[in-house]
Amino acid sequence: MLQAGIVPGALPAVETDRKKIVARLEDAGWINRAVDRQGDQRGDQAVDHDVYTHPAQPDVRIVVLRRRVVTGAVARMIAKQAGWR
């Protein structure tokens, strides 16, 4: 028996608001490595994303686009890399 509003085979809902995703990453200890909004840490190149790393997982990098809302696929990728269930 199916519950109302549940579509069989549908992907689970994920947060797509960038501010909420970033807040959750930072609360979990992820550190933004592309700090400068006008250019990256290597020089004057403009970047349209932030890269988050975690001290306990140095080999994992999570890329978050600088857009108000990210797509569901990108949000699911971020959630998977961050270990959110």
PDB file of N, CA and C in Angstrom:
ATOM      1  N   MET A   1       0.836  -1.179   0.000  1.00  0.00           N
ATOM      2  CA  MET A   1       0.000   0.000   0.000  1.00  0.00           C
ATOM      3  C   MET A   1       0.884   1.247   0.000  1.00  0.00           C
ATOM      4  N   LEU A   2       0.583   2.162  -0.872  1.00  0.00           N
ATOM      5  CA  LEU A   2       1.369   3.383  -1.007  1.00  0.00           C
ATOM      6  C   LEU A   2       0.792   4.510  -0.158  1.00  0.00           C
ATOM      7  N   GLN A   3       1.688   5.335   0.351  1.00  0.00           N
ATOM      8  CA  GLN A   3       1.251   6.511   1.084  1.00  0.00           C
ATOM      9  C   GLN A   3       0.917   7.618   0.089  1.00  0.00           C
ATOM     10  N   ALA A   4       0.020   8.485   0.483  1.00  0.00           N
ATOM     11  CA  ALA A   4      -0.358   9.605  -0.378  1.00  0.00           C
ATOM     12  C   ALA A   4       0.842  10.516  -0.601  1.00  0.00           C
ATOM     13  N   GLY A   5       1.063  10.928  -1.843  1.00  0.00           N
ATOM     14  CA  GLY A   5       2.147  11.843  -2.157  1.00  0.00           C
ATOM     15  C   GLY A   5       3.484  11.173  -2.392  1.00  0.00           C
ATOM     16  N   ILE A   6       3.575   9.853  -2.252  1.00  0.00           N
ATOM     17  CA  ILE A   6       4.819   9.126  -2.475  1.00  0.00           C
ATOM     18  C   ILE A   6       4.766   8.494  -3.863  1.00  0.00           C
ATOM     19  N   VAL A   7       5.750   8.795  -4.669  1.00  0.00           N
ATOM     20  CA  VAL A   7       5.813   8.254  -6.016  1.00  0.00           C
ATOM     21  C   VAL A   7       6.805   7.094  -6.021  1.00  0.00           C
ATOM     22  N   PRO A   8       6.378   5.898  -6.442  1.00  0.00           N
ATOM     23  CA  PRO A   8       7.306   4.759  -6.474  1.00  0.00           C
ATOM     24  C   PRO A   8       8.491   5.050  -7.389  1.00  0.00           C
ATOM     25  N   GLY A   9       9.695   4.765  -6.924  1.00  0.00           N
ATOM     26  CA  GLY A   9      10.897   4.963  -7.715  1.00  0.00           C
ATOM     27  C   GLY A   9      11.400   6.394  -7.747  1.00  0.00           C
ATOM     28  N   ALA A  10      10.709   7.319  -7.103  1.00  0.00           N
ATOM     29  CA  ALA A  10      11.142   8.720  -7.099  1.00  0.00           C
ATOM     30  C   ALA A  10      12.345   8.890  -6.179  1.00  0.00           C
ATOM     31  N   LEU A  11      13.220   9.815  -6.533  1.00  0.00           N
ATOM     32  CA  LEU A  11      14.371  10.104  -5.698  1.00  0.00           C
ATOM     33  C   LEU A  11      13.928  10.870  -4.457  1.00  0.00           C
ATOM     34  N   PRO A  12      14.601  10.671  -3.340  1.00  0.00           N
ATOM     35  CA  PRO A  12      14.218  11.402  -2.127  1.00  0.00           C
ATOM     36  C   PRO A  12      14.437  12.900  -2.288  1.00  0.00           C
ATOM     37  N   ALA A  13      13.630  13.660  -1.607  1.00  0.00           N
ATOM     38  CA  ALA A  13      13.748  15.120  -1.665  1.00  0.00           C
ATOM     39  C   ALA A  13      15.039  15.554  -0.967  1.00  0.00           C
ATOM     40  N   VAL A  14      15.736  16.504  -1.551  1.00  0.00           N
ATOM     41  CA  VAL A  14      16.955  17.045  -0.962  1.00  0.00           C
ATOM     42  C   VAL A  14      16.857  18.556  -0.943  1.00  0.00           C
ATOM     43  N   GLU A  15      17.618  19.150  -0.058  1.00  0.00           N
ATOM     44  CA  GLU A  15      17.653  20.612   0.036  1.00  0.00           C
ATOM     45  C   GLU A  15      18.394  21.177  -1.168  1.00  0.00           C
ATOM     46  N   THR A  16      17.807  22.146  -1.855  1.00  0.00           N
ATOM     47  CA  THR A  16      18.458  22.743  -3.016  1.00  0.00           C
ATOM     48  C   THR A  16      18.820  24.211  -2.789  1.00  0.00           C
ATOM     49  N   ASP A  17      18.463  24.772  -1.650  1.00  0.00           N
ATOM     50  CA  ASP A  17      18.811  26.153  -1.323  1.00  0.00           C
ATOM     51  C   ASP A  17      20.288  26.195  -0.928  1.00  0.00           C
ATOM     52  N   ARG A  18      21.078  26.942  -1.679  1.00  0.00           N
ATOM     53  CA  ARG A  18      22.523  26.980  -1.469  1.00  0.00           C
ATOM     54  C   ARG A  18      22.892  27.446  -0.062  1.00  0.00           C
ATOM     55  N   LYS A  19      22.207  28.448   0.449  1.00  0.00           N
ATOM     56  CA  LYS A  19      22.528  28.963   1.786  1.00  0.00           C
ATOM     57  C   LYS A  19      22.347  27.885   2.848  1.00  0.00           C
ATOM     58  N   LYS A  20      21.296  27.104   2.732  1.00  0.00           N
ATOM     59  CA  LYS A  20      21.044  26.039   3.707  1.00  0.00           C
ATOM     60  C   LYS A  20      22.065  24.913   3.577  1.00  0.00           C
ATOM     61  N   ILE A  21      22.458  24.594   2.341  1.00  0.00           N
ATOM     62  CA  ILE A  21      23.469  23.561   2.119  1.00  0.00           C
ATOM     63  C   ILE A  21      24.797  24.000   2.728  1.00  0.00           C
ATOM     64  N   VAL A  22      25.196  25.242   2.452  1.00  0.00           N
ATOM     65  CA  VAL A  22      26.462  25.767   2.971  1.00  0.00           C
ATOM     66  C   VAL A  22      26.434  25.820   4.502  1.00  0.00           C
ATOM     67  N   ALA A  23      25.331  26.246   5.071  1.00  0.00           N
ATOM     68  CA  ALA A  23      25.225  26.307   6.534  1.00  0.00           C
ATOM     69  C   ALA A  23      25.379  24.914   7.144  1.00  0.00           C
ATOM     70  N   ARG A  24      24.773  23.913   6.511  1.00  0.00           N
ATOM     71  CA  ARG A  24      24.873  22.551   7.033  1.00  0.00           C
ATOM     72  C   ARG A  24      26.301  22.027   6.902  1.00  0.00           C
ATOM     73  N   LEU A  25      26.954  22.322   5.786  1.00  0.00           N
ATOM     74  CA  LEU A  25      28.350  21.904   5.615  1.00  0.00           C
ATOM     75  C   LEU A  25      29.233  22.532   6.685  1.00  0.00           C
ATOM     76  N   GLU A  26      29.087  23.846   6.882  1.00  0.00           N
ATOM     77  CA  GLU A  26      29.927  24.541   7.855  1.00  0.00           C
ATOM     78  C   GLU A  26      29.640  24.087   9.281  1.00  0.00           C
ATOM     79  N   ASP A  27      28.381  23.785   9.589  1.00  0.00           N
ATOM     80  CA  ASP A  27      28.040  23.269  10.920  1.00  0.00           C
ATOM     81  C   ASP A  27      28.690  21.912  11.171  1.00  0.00           C
ATOM     82  N   ALA A  28      28.896  21.153  10.092  1.00  0.00           N
ATOM     83  CA  ALA A  28      29.496  19.824  10.214  1.00  0.00           C
ATOM     84  C   ALA A  28      31.019  19.860  10.169  1.00  0.00           C
ATOM     85  N   GLY A  29      31.595  21.074  10.070  1.00  0.00           N
ATOM     86  CA  GLY A  29      33.046  21.202  10.120  1.00  0.00           C
ATOM     87  C   GLY A  29      33.739  21.320   8.773  1.00  0.00           C
ATOM     88  N   TRP A  30      32.982  21.419   7.690  1.00  0.00           N
ATOM     89  CA  TRP A  30      33.576  21.593   6.362  1.00  0.00           C
ATOM     90  C   TRP A  30      34.090  23.020   6.245  1.00  0.00           C
ATOM     91  N   ILE A  31      35.248  23.197   5.587  1.00  0.00           N
ATOM     92  CA  ILE A  31      35.899  24.493   5.478  1.00  0.00           C
ATOM     93  C   ILE A  31      35.917  24.925   4.011  1.00  0.00           C
ATOM     94  N   ASN A  32      35.509  26.168   3.768  1.00  0.00           N
ATOM     95  CA  ASN A  32      35.497  26.708   2.418  1.00  0.00           C
ATOM     96  C   ASN A  32      36.918  27.105   2.030  1.00  0.00           C
ATOM     97  N   ARG A  33      37.448  26.494   0.979  1.00  0.00           N
ATOM     98  CA  ARG A  33      38.812  26.769   0.535  1.00  0.00           C
ATOM     99  C   ARG A  33      38.877  27.885  -0.505  1.00  0.00           C
ATOM    100  N   ALA A  34      37.789  28.195  -1.185  1.00  0.00           N
ATOM    101  CA  ALA A  34      37.761  29.293  -2.157  1.00  0.00           C
ATOM    102  C   ALA A  34      37.094  30.480  -1.480  1.00  0.00           C
ATOM    103  N   VAL A  35      37.817  31.128  -0.600  1.00  0.00           N
ATOM    104  CA  VAL A  35      37.244  32.137   0.289  1.00  0.00           C
ATOM    105  C   VAL A  35      36.941  33.442  -0.425  1.00  0.00           C
ATOM    106  N   ASP A  36      37.836  33.893  -1.276  1.00  0.00           N
ATOM    107  CA  ASP A  36      37.689  35.190  -1.921  1.00  0.00           C
ATOM    108  C   ASP A  36      36.586  35.152  -2.967  1.00  0.00           C
ATOM    109  N   ARG A  37      35.607  36.027  -2.873  1.00  0.00           N
ATOM    110  CA  ARG A  37      34.469  36.048  -3.794  1.00  0.00           C
ATOM    111  C   ARG A  37      34.843  36.609  -5.167  1.00  0.00           C
ATOM    112  N   GLN A  38      35.895  37.423  -5.248  1.00  0.00           N
ATOM    113  CA  GLN A  38      36.276  38.031  -6.521  1.00  0.00           C
ATOM    114  C   GLN A  38      37.279  37.188  -7.293  1.00  0.00           C
ATOM    115  N   GLY A  39      38.031  36.372  -6.630  1.00  0.00           N
ATOM    116  CA  GLY A  39      39.021  35.543  -7.307  1.00  0.00           C
ATOM    117  C   GLY A  39      39.418  34.392  -6.417  1.00  0.00           C
ATOM    118  N   ASP A  40      40.005  33.380  -6.994  1.00  0.00           N
ATOM    119  CA  ASP A  40      40.369  32.226  -6.178  1.00  0.00           C
ATOM    120  C   ASP A  40      41.679  32.487  -5.435  1.00  0.00           C
ATOM    121  N   GLN A  41      42.132  31.511  -4.682  1.00  0.00           N
ATOM    122  CA  GLN A  41      43.320  31.681  -3.858  1.00  0.00           C
ATOM    123  C   GLN A  41      44.601  31.670  -4.689  1.00  0.00           C
ATOM    124  N   ARG A  42      44.519  31.271  -5.944  1.00  0.00           N
ATOM    125  CA  ARG A  42      45.713  31.190  -6.772  1.00  0.00           C
ATOM    126  C   ARG A  42      46.025  32.499  -7.477  1.00  0.00           C
ATOM    127  N   GLY A  43      45.102  33.440  -7.500  1.00  0.00           N
ATOM    128  CA  GLY A  43      45.389  34.678  -8.200  1.00  0.00           C
ATOM    129  C   GLY A  43      44.130  35.435  -8.535  1.00  0.00           C
ATOM    130  N   ASP A  44      44.096  35.969  -9.724  1.00  0.00           N
ATOM    131  CA  ASP A  44      43.003  36.850 -10.123  1.00  0.00           C
ATOM    132  C   ASP A  44      41.899  36.153 -10.900  1.00  0.00           C
ATOM    133  N   GLN A  45      41.942  34.851 -11.004  1.00  0.00           N
ATOM    134  CA  GLN A  45      40.906  34.141 -11.744  1.00  0.00           C
ATOM    135  C   GLN A  45      39.597  34.167 -10.962  1.00  0.00           C
ATOM    136  N   ALA A  46      38.523  34.547 -11.638  1.00  0.00           N
ATOM    137  CA  ALA A  46      37.213  34.548 -11.002  1.00  0.00           C
ATOM    138  C   ALA A  46      36.683  33.115 -10.958  1.00  0.00           C
ATOM    139  N   VAL A  47      36.040  32.758  -9.873  1.00  0.00           N
ATOM    140  CA  VAL A  47      35.469  31.418  -9.738  1.00  0.00           C
ATOM    141  C   VAL A  47      33.976  31.543  -9.471  1.00  0.00           C
ATOM    142  N   ASP A  48      33.223  30.560  -9.929  1.00  0.00           N
ATOM    143  CA  ASP A  48      31.780  30.574  -9.715  1.00  0.00           C
ATOM    144  C   ASP A  48      31.346  29.430  -8.804  1.00  0.00           C
ATOM    145  N   HIS A  49      32.272  28.948  -7.973  1.00  0.00           N
ATOM    146  CA  HIS A  49      31.957  27.856  -7.065  1.00  0.00           C
ATOM    147  C   HIS A  49      32.840  27.965  -5.814  1.00  0.00           C
ATOM    148  N   ASP A  50      32.429  27.270  -4.776  1.00  0.00           N
ATOM    149  CA  ASP A  50      33.214  27.154  -3.556  1.00  0.00           C
ATOM    150  C   ASP A  50      33.624  25.698  -3.395  1.00  0.00           C
ATOM    151  N   VAL A  51      34.790  25.469  -2.828  1.00  0.00           N
ATOM    152  CA  VAL A  51      35.290  24.119  -2.607  1.00  0.00           C
ATOM    153  C   VAL A  51      35.425  23.911  -1.104  1.00  0.00           C
ATOM    154  N   TYR A  52      34.739  22.901  -0.586  1.00  0.00           N
ATOM    155  CA  TYR A  52      34.761  22.598   0.845  1.00  0.00           C
ATOM    156  C   TYR A  52      35.556  21.322   1.091  1.00  0.00           C
ATOM    157  N   THR A  53      36.399  21.372   2.127  1.00  0.00           N
ATOM    158  CA  THR A  53      37.145  20.200   2.567  1.00  0.00           C
ATOM    159  C   THR A  53      36.890  20.008   4.058  1.00  0.00           C
ATOM    160  N   HIS A  54      37.170  18.797   4.526  1.00  0.00           N
ATOM    161  CA  HIS A  54      36.972  18.479   5.943  1.00  0.00           C
ATOM    162  C   HIS A  54      38.278  17.926   6.494  1.00  0.00           C
ATOM    163  N   PRO A  55      38.702  18.377   7.679  1.00  0.00           N
ATOM    164  CA  PRO A  55      39.961  17.893   8.251  1.00  0.00           C
ATOM    165  C   PRO A  55      40.009  16.373   8.427  1.00  0.00           C
ATOM    166  N   ALA A  56      38.863  15.754   8.703  1.00  0.00           N
ATOM    167  CA  ALA A  56      38.831  14.310   8.908  1.00  0.00           C
ATOM    168  C   ALA A  56      38.788  13.534   7.591  1.00  0.00           C
ATOM    169  N   GLN A  57      38.478  14.227   6.488  1.00  0.00           N
ATOM    170  CA  GLN A  57      38.399  13.582   5.177  1.00  0.00           C
ATOM    171  C   GLN A  57      39.160  14.431   4.152  1.00  0.00           C
ATOM    172  N   PRO A  58      40.492  14.491   4.242  1.00  0.00           N
ATOM    173  CA  PRO A  58      41.258  15.392   3.378  1.00  0.00           C
ATOM    174  C   PRO A  58      41.183  15.059   1.892  1.00  0.00           C
ATOM    175  N   ASP A  59      40.814  13.839   1.549  1.00  0.00           N
ATOM    176  CA  ASP A  59      40.754  13.461   0.142  1.00  0.00           C
ATOM    177  C   ASP A  59      39.404  13.777  -0.506  1.00  0.00           C
ATOM    178  N   VAL A  60      38.424  14.241   0.264  1.00  0.00           N
ATOM    179  CA  VAL A  60      37.093  14.557  -0.262  1.00  0.00           C
ATOM    180  C   VAL A  60      36.971  16.068  -0.440  1.00  0.00           C
ATOM    181  N   ARG A  61      36.542  16.475  -1.624  1.00  0.00           N
ATOM    182  CA  ARG A  61      36.267  17.888  -1.911  1.00  0.00           C
ATOM    183  C   ARG A  61      34.835  18.004  -2.389  1.00  0.00           C
ATOM    184  N   ILE A  62      34.100  18.918  -1.792  1.00  0.00           N
ATOM    185  CA  ILE A  62      32.719  19.153  -2.189  1.00  0.00           C
ATOM    186  C   ILE A  62      32.660  20.513  -2.878  1.00  0.00           C
ATOM    187  N   VAL A  63      32.179  20.498  -4.115  1.00  0.00           N
ATOM    188  CA  VAL A  63      32.069  21.719  -4.906  1.00  0.00           C
ATOM    189  C   VAL A  63      30.629  22.206  -4.849  1.00  0.00           C
ATOM    190  N   VAL A  64      30.439  23.456  -4.420  1.00  0.00           N
ATOM    191  CA  VAL A  64      29.114  24.060  -4.332  1.00  0.00           C
ATOM    192  C   VAL A  64      29.096  25.273  -5.260  1.00  0.00           C
ATOM    193  N   LEU A  65      28.217  25.246  -6.250  1.00  0.00           N
ATOM    194  CA  LEU A  65      28.108  26.356  -7.187  1.00  0.00           C
ATOM    195  C   LEU A  65      27.573  27.589  -6.493  1.00  0.00           C
ATOM    196  N   ARG A  66      28.001  28.746  -6.940  1.00  0.00           N
ATOM    197  CA  ARG A  66      27.527  30.012  -6.365  1.00  0.00           C
ATOM    198  C   ARG A  66      26.269  30.463  -7.089  1.00  0.00           C
ATOM    199  N   ARG A  67      25.221  29.733  -6.847  1.00  0.00           N
ATOM    200  CA  ARG A  67      23.901  30.067  -7.373  1.00  0.00           C
ATOM    201  C   ARG A  67      22.925  29.997  -6.212  1.00  0.00           C
ATOM    202  N   ARG A  68      21.845  30.711  -6.311  1.00  0.00           N
ATOM    203  CA  ARG A  68      20.868  30.733  -5.228  1.00  0.00           C
ATOM    204  C   ARG A  68      20.300  29.338  -4.970  1.00  0.00           C
ATOM    205  N   VAL A  69      20.008  28.628  -6.053  1.00  0.00           N
ATOM    206  CA  VAL A  69      19.431  27.280  -5.953  1.00  0.00           C
ATOM    207  C   VAL A  69      20.252  26.350  -6.839  1.00  0.00           C
ATOM    208  N   VAL A  70      20.638  25.193  -6.306  1.00  0.00           N
ATOM    209  CA  VAL A  70      21.341  24.193  -7.106  1.00  0.00           C
ATOM    210  C   VAL A  70      20.332  23.151  -7.573  1.00  0.00           C
ATOM    211  N   THR A  71      20.680  22.411  -8.597  1.00  0.00           N
ATOM    212  CA  THR A  71      19.771  21.385  -9.107  1.00  0.00           C
ATOM    213  C   THR A  71      19.678  20.230  -8.124  1.00  0.00           C
ATOM    214  N   GLY A  72      18.630  19.443  -8.274  1.00  0.00           N
ATOM    215  CA  GLY A  72      18.447  18.283  -7.409  1.00  0.00           C
ATOM    216  C   GLY A  72      19.594  17.301  -7.519  1.00  0.00           C
ATOM    217  N   ALA A  73      20.118  17.108  -8.740  1.00  0.00           N
ATOM    218  CA  ALA A  73      21.231  16.177  -8.940  1.00  0.00           C
ATOM    219  C   ALA A  73      22.488  16.657  -8.208  1.00  0.00           C
ATOM    220  N   VAL A  74      22.771  17.943  -8.286  1.00  0.00           N
ATOM    221  CA  VAL A  74      23.940  18.501  -7.595  1.00  0.00           C
ATOM    222  C   VAL A  74      23.738  18.405  -6.086  1.00  0.00           C
ATOM    223  N   ALA A  75      22.535  18.694  -5.615  1.00  0.00           N
ATOM    224  CA  ALA A  75      22.243  18.610  -4.178  1.00  0.00           C
ATOM    225  C   ALA A  75      22.402  17.179  -3.664  1.00  0.00           C
ATOM    226  N   ARG A  76      21.973  16.192  -4.450  1.00  0.00           N
ATOM    227  CA  ARG A  76      22.139  14.791  -4.046  1.00  0.00           C
ATOM    228  C   ARG A  76      23.619  14.408  -4.015  1.00  0.00           C
ATOM    229  N   MET A  77      24.408  14.906  -4.984  1.00  0.00           N
ATOM    230  CA  MET A  77      25.841  14.625  -5.013  1.00  0.00           C
ATOM    231  C   MET A  77      26.525  15.206  -3.777  1.00  0.00           C
ATOM    232  N   ILE A  78      26.169  16.443  -3.421  1.00  0.00           N
ATOM    233  CA  ILE A  78      26.736  17.077  -2.230  1.00  0.00           C
ATOM    234  C   ILE A  78      26.372  16.283  -0.983  1.00  0.00           C
ATOM    235  N   ALA A  79      25.106  15.889  -0.864  1.00  0.00           N
ATOM    236  CA  ALA A  79      24.653  15.123   0.294  1.00  0.00           C
ATOM    237  C   ALA A  79      25.389  13.790   0.394  1.00  0.00           C
ATOM    238  N   LYS A  80      25.612  13.135  -0.721  1.00  0.00           N
ATOM    239  CA  LYS A  80      26.313  11.851  -0.720  1.00  0.00           C
ATOM    240  C   LYS A  80      27.763  12.037  -0.299  1.00  0.00           C
ATOM    241  N   GLN A  81      28.434  13.061  -0.850  1.00  0.00           N
ATOM    242  CA  GLN A  81      29.839  13.292  -0.504  1.00  0.00           C
ATOM    243  C   GLN A  81      29.992  13.686   0.967  1.00  0.00           C
ATOM    244  N   ALA A  82      29.026  14.434   1.494  1.00  0.00           N
ATOM    245  CA  ALA A  82      29.106  14.875   2.892  1.00  0.00           C
ATOM    246  C   ALA A  82      28.687  13.775   3.869  1.00  0.00           C
ATOM    247  N   GLY A  83      28.104  12.704   3.357  1.00  0.00           N
ATOM    248  CA  GLY A  83      27.700  11.594   4.219  1.00  0.00           C
ATOM    249  C   GLY A  83      26.358  11.807   4.882  1.00  0.00           C
ATOM    250  N   TRP A  84      25.519  12.687   4.309  1.00  0.00           N
ATOM    251  CA  TRP A  84      24.198  12.923   4.871  1.00  0.00           C
ATOM    252  C   TRP A  84      23.269  11.807   4.437  1.00  0.00           C
ATOM    253  N   ARG A  85      22.408  11.412   5.320  1.00  0.00           N
ATOM    254  CA  ARG A  85      21.430  10.350   4.984  1.00  0.00           C
ATOM    255  C   ARG A  85      20.041  10.900   5.012  1.00  0.00           C
TER     256      ARG A  85
END
